[in-house]
Protein backbone atom coordinates (compact mmCIF):
# COMPACT_ATOMS: atom_id res chain seq x y z
CA MET A 1 2.58 9.60 13.48
CA GLN A 2 1.39 7.07 11.22
CA ILE A 3 4.63 8.07 8.61
CA ILE A 4 6.96 7.81 11.64
CA ARG A 5 5.64 4.66 12.87
CA PHE A 6 6.07 3.23 9.14
CA CYS A 7 10.11 5.08 8.73
CA LEU A 8 10.51 3.36 11.82
CA ALA A 9 9.69 -0.19 10.35
CA LEU A 10 11.21 0.36 7.74
CA LEU A 11 14.85 1.89 9.68
CA THR A 12 14.63 -1.13 12.16
CA ALA A 13 14.63 -3.43 9.82
CA ALA A 14 18.12 -2.20 8.45
CA GLY A 15 18.74 -2.30 12.17
CA LEU A 16 18.16 -5.68 12.79
CA ALA A 17 19.82 -6.76 10.03
CA SER A 18 23.00 -5.47 11.27
CA CYS A 19 22.41 -7.66 14.47
CA ALA A 20 23.10 -11.31 11.93
CA GLN A 21 26.29 -12.04 11.35
CA ASP A 22 28.16 -11.20 8.55
CA ARG A 23 28.27 -12.62 5.15
CA PRO A 24 30.80 -14.52 4.03
CA LYS A 25 33.06 -12.37 1.48
CA SER A 26 32.07 -12.57 -2.17
CA PRO A 27 35.02 -13.35 -4.75
CA GLN A 28 34.17 -9.88 -5.82
CA ALA A 29 35.22 -8.48 -2.17
CA ASP A 30 38.47 -6.55 -3.67
CA GLN A 31 35.46 -4.04 -5.11
CA PRO A 32 35.21 -0.38 -3.87
CA TRP A 33 31.86 -0.85 -2.81
CA GLN A 34 31.94 -3.93 -1.05
CA SER A 35 35.59 -2.39 0.79
CA ALA A 36 33.73 0.36 2.13
CA MET A 37 31.02 -1.47 3.75
CA GLY A 38 33.46 -4.27 4.94
CA TRP A 39 35.57 -0.64 6.77
CA LEU A 40 32.13 0.61 8.18
CA ASN A 41 31.64 -2.82 9.81
CA ARG A 42 35.02 -2.33 12.16
CA CYS A 43 33.90 0.60 12.92
CA SER A 44 31.57 0.04 15.31
CA PRO A 45 29.77 2.47 17.04
CA TRP A 46 28.92 4.83 13.91
CA SER A 47 26.01 7.08 13.26
CA MET A 48 25.05 8.42 10.14
CA GLN A 49 21.67 11.53 10.73
CA GLY A 50 19.92 12.92 7.71
CA LYS A 51 16.63 13.31 6.19
CA MET A 52 13.71 10.81 4.47
CA GLY A 53 10.83 11.08 2.46
CA LEU A 54 7.75 8.28 2.34
CA HIS A 55 5.04 7.74 0.22
CA TRP A 56 2.75 4.50 0.59
CA GLY A 57 -0.48 4.67 -1.21
CA HIS A 58 -2.31 7.92 -0.69
CA HIS A 59 0.38 8.72 2.40
CA GLY A 60 3.70 10.42 2.55
CA GLY A 61 5.40 12.50 4.60
CA SER A 62 8.80 13.67 5.79
CA MET A 63 11.01 13.07 8.84
CA TYR A 64 14.89 13.42 10.11
CA PHE A 65 16.49 10.75 11.57
CA VAL A 66 19.56 9.91 13.75
CA TRP A 67 20.57 5.89 13.31
CA GLN A 68 23.14 5.08 15.38
CA GLU A 69 24.36 1.67 15.44
CA ASN A 70 27.36 -0.15 17.97
CA GLN A 71 27.70 -3.78 17.06
CA ALA A 72 25.20 -6.02 18.27
CA THR A 73 22.21 -3.21 19.11
CA TYR A 74 21.04 0.00 17.39
CA ASP A 75 19.17 3.21 18.48
CA ILE A 76 17.63 5.16 15.77
CA ASP A 77 15.62 8.55 16.55
CA LEU A 78 12.81 9.76 14.26
CA ASN A 79 11.80 13.58 14.87
CA GLY A 80 8.63 15.36 12.20
CA PRO A 81 9.18 18.96 10.48
CA LEU A 82 9.13 21.37 13.35
CA GLY A 83 9.37 18.86 15.89
CA GLU A 84 5.77 17.25 15.57
CA GLY A 85 5.36 14.26 16.23
CA SER A 86 9.22 11.41 17.53
CA MET A 87 9.70 8.18 18.10
CA HIS A 88 12.74 6.33 19.72
CA VAL A 89 13.14 2.54 18.62
CA HIS A 90 16.38 0.47 20.33
CA GLY A 91 17.07 -2.78 19.37
CA ASP A 92 18.79 -6.45 19.21
CA ALA A 93 18.94 -9.63 17.66
CA GLN A 94 16.19 -10.81 20.11
CA GLY A 95 13.43 -8.13 18.71
CA MET A 96 13.17 -3.85 19.10
CA ASP A 97 11.10 -2.01 21.81
CA LEU A 98 9.66 1.07 20.53
CA GLN A 99 8.51 4.38 22.38
CA ASP A 100 6.79 7.45 21.40
CA ASP A 101 6.41 11.00 22.36
CA ARG A 102 4.03 10.10 25.34
CA GLY A 103 6.31 7.34 26.92
CA THR A 104 3.86 4.57 25.83
CA VAL A 105 6.13 1.27 24.45
CA GLN A 106 5.88 -1.60 22.40
CA HIS A 107 7.66 -4.53 21.78
CA ALA A 108 7.71 -6.49 18.44
CA GLU A 109 9.95 -9.43 17.35
CA THR A 110 10.21 -8.30 13.97
CA PRO A 111 9.34 -5.09 11.53
CA GLU A 112 7.95 -7.23 8.85
CA SER A 113 5.35 -8.30 10.94
CA MET A 114 4.37 -4.79 12.75
CA LEU A 115 4.48 -3.63 8.56
CA LYS A 116 2.25 -5.84 7.87
CA THR A 117 -0.27 -5.85 10.29
CA ALA A 118 -0.22 -1.75 11.08
CA PHE A 119 -0.15 -1.05 6.89
CA GLY A 120 -0.89 -4.61 5.26
CA ILE A 121 2.34 -4.28 3.08
CA ASP A 122 4.81 -7.30 2.67
CA ALA A 123 8.17 -6.38 1.90
CA PRO A 124 11.77 -7.80 2.22
CA ILE A 125 12.83 -5.26 4.20
CA SER A 126 15.54 -6.94 5.85
CA ARG A 127 17.91 -5.93 2.41
CA LEU A 128 17.45 -1.85 3.50
CA ARG A 129 20.91 -1.87 5.23
CA ASP A 130 22.18 -3.73 2.29
CA TRP A 131 20.75 -1.08 0.06
CA ILE A 132 21.37 2.09 2.32
CA HIS A 133 24.86 1.09 2.85
CA GLY A 134 25.48 1.01 -1.02
CA ARG A 135 25.58 -2.77 -1.25
CA ALA A 136 23.42 -5.41 -3.15
CA GLY A 137 21.00 -6.90 -0.67
CA SER A 138 20.56 -10.37 -2.50
CA PRO A 139 22.94 -12.52 -5.14
CA ASP A 140 20.46 -11.91 -7.12
CA ALA A 141 20.68 -8.45 -7.79
CA ARG A 142 21.39 -6.50 -10.72
CA VAL A 143 23.98 -4.13 -10.09
CA ILE A 144 25.05 -1.01 -11.81
CA LEU A 145 28.46 0.33 -11.03
CA ASP A 146 29.58 3.58 -11.98
CA ASP A 147 33.14 4.90 -13.22
CA LEU A 148 34.48 4.54 -9.80
CA GLY A 149 32.97 0.70 -8.91
CA ARG A 150 30.44 2.54 -6.58
CA ILE A 151 26.98 0.95 -7.51
CA ALA A 152 24.87 3.31 -9.45
CA SER A 153 21.77 1.47 -9.53
CA LEU A 154 20.65 -1.72 -8.39
CA HIS A 155 17.32 -3.98 -9.01
CA ASP A 156 16.75 -6.42 -6.32
CA GLY A 157 13.64 -8.35 -6.63
CA LYS A 158 10.47 -6.06 -6.92
CA PHE A 159 12.71 -2.80 -6.05
CA GLN A 160 14.80 -0.20 -7.93
CA VAL A 161 17.56 1.59 -6.19
CA ASN A 162 19.40 4.33 -7.15
CA TYR A 163 22.36 6.52 -5.89
CA THR A 164 22.61 9.60 -7.55
CA ASP A 165 25.35 10.70 -4.76
CA TYR A 166 27.87 10.00 -2.69
CA ALA A 167 30.01 11.52 0.16
CA THR A 168 33.76 10.84 1.32
CA VAL A 169 34.25 9.35 4.58
CA GLU A 170 37.41 9.21 5.27
CA THR A 171 39.23 7.40 2.28
CA TYR A 172 35.64 5.33 1.73
CA SER A 173 32.98 6.45 -0.50
CA LEU A 174 29.53 6.27 1.28
CA PRO A 175 25.71 6.80 0.40
CA SER A 176 24.15 10.55 0.48
CA HIS A 177 21.24 10.32 -1.11
CA ILE A 178 19.37 7.14 -2.07
CA HIS A 179 15.80 6.52 -4.21
CA ILE A 180 14.26 3.08 -3.45
CA THR A 181 11.36 2.52 -5.53
CA GLY A 182 8.89 -0.57 -4.70
CA PRO A 183 5.48 -1.86 -5.57
CA GLN A 184 4.20 -0.72 -2.40
CA PHE A 185 5.70 2.23 -1.69
CA SER A 186 9.04 4.83 -2.16
CA LEU A 187 11.49 5.90 0.29
CA VAL A 188 14.44 8.98 -0.45
CA MET A 189 16.84 9.37 2.10
CA ALA A 190 19.52 12.09 2.23
CA ILE A 191 21.87 11.37 4.73
CA HIS A 192 23.77 14.23 6.04
CA GLN A 193 26.87 13.13 7.87
CA TRP A 194 27.83 9.60 8.96
CA SER A 195 30.21 9.36 11.74
CA VAL A 196 32.96 7.35 12.83
CA PRO A 197 34.93 6.50 16.09
CA GLU A 198 38.45 7.98 15.92
CA LYS A 199 39.99 4.42 15.85
CA CYS A 200 38.18 4.18 12.37
CA HIS A 201 40.41 6.57 11.15
CA LYS A 202 43.99 4.30 11.15
CA LEU A 203 41.73 1.76 9.75
CA ALA A 204 41.32 3.97 6.58
CA TYR A 205 44.32 3.49 5.48
């Protein structure tokens, strides 16, 4: 359950970031990776599912996730291997409610505070949504693009993010394999499926 709670703190940070207002477009808004994110932001509701592996200190493990986002709200489900342990979180700009497999519900205002209190880890996890979606999390991030204009790797603060594979969703490239390494934890995400509603098929052309 500890590994599931840790991963939920990370993914919830990414979900809460989605509830904030969109940032202004940069002068490089025509870059392929930024065009893909602009399209995805207009495709609410959307979802992604896959598997993630996490290591911090002497702890580690893997689990399956389903992440659904609908404008200002999000829902994340995590399940351990062979169904061992599960947790659900529903959140919006006011905070998040976590429910474990015993039905116990807890409320938290920020995932950063939960991560700090439960695990003693202080990390800028609000940038995770940007990294997972294939874009820089801050203006100071050092970005390396591949031949197709997608982010191949980026260095953001004390974190290194590598993108080893992408999936084509409509006409856009979205990350399908991500490796995030920081001073206190490392995270590998394999996104098996991105799903968007029918209306987004027309927006892609």
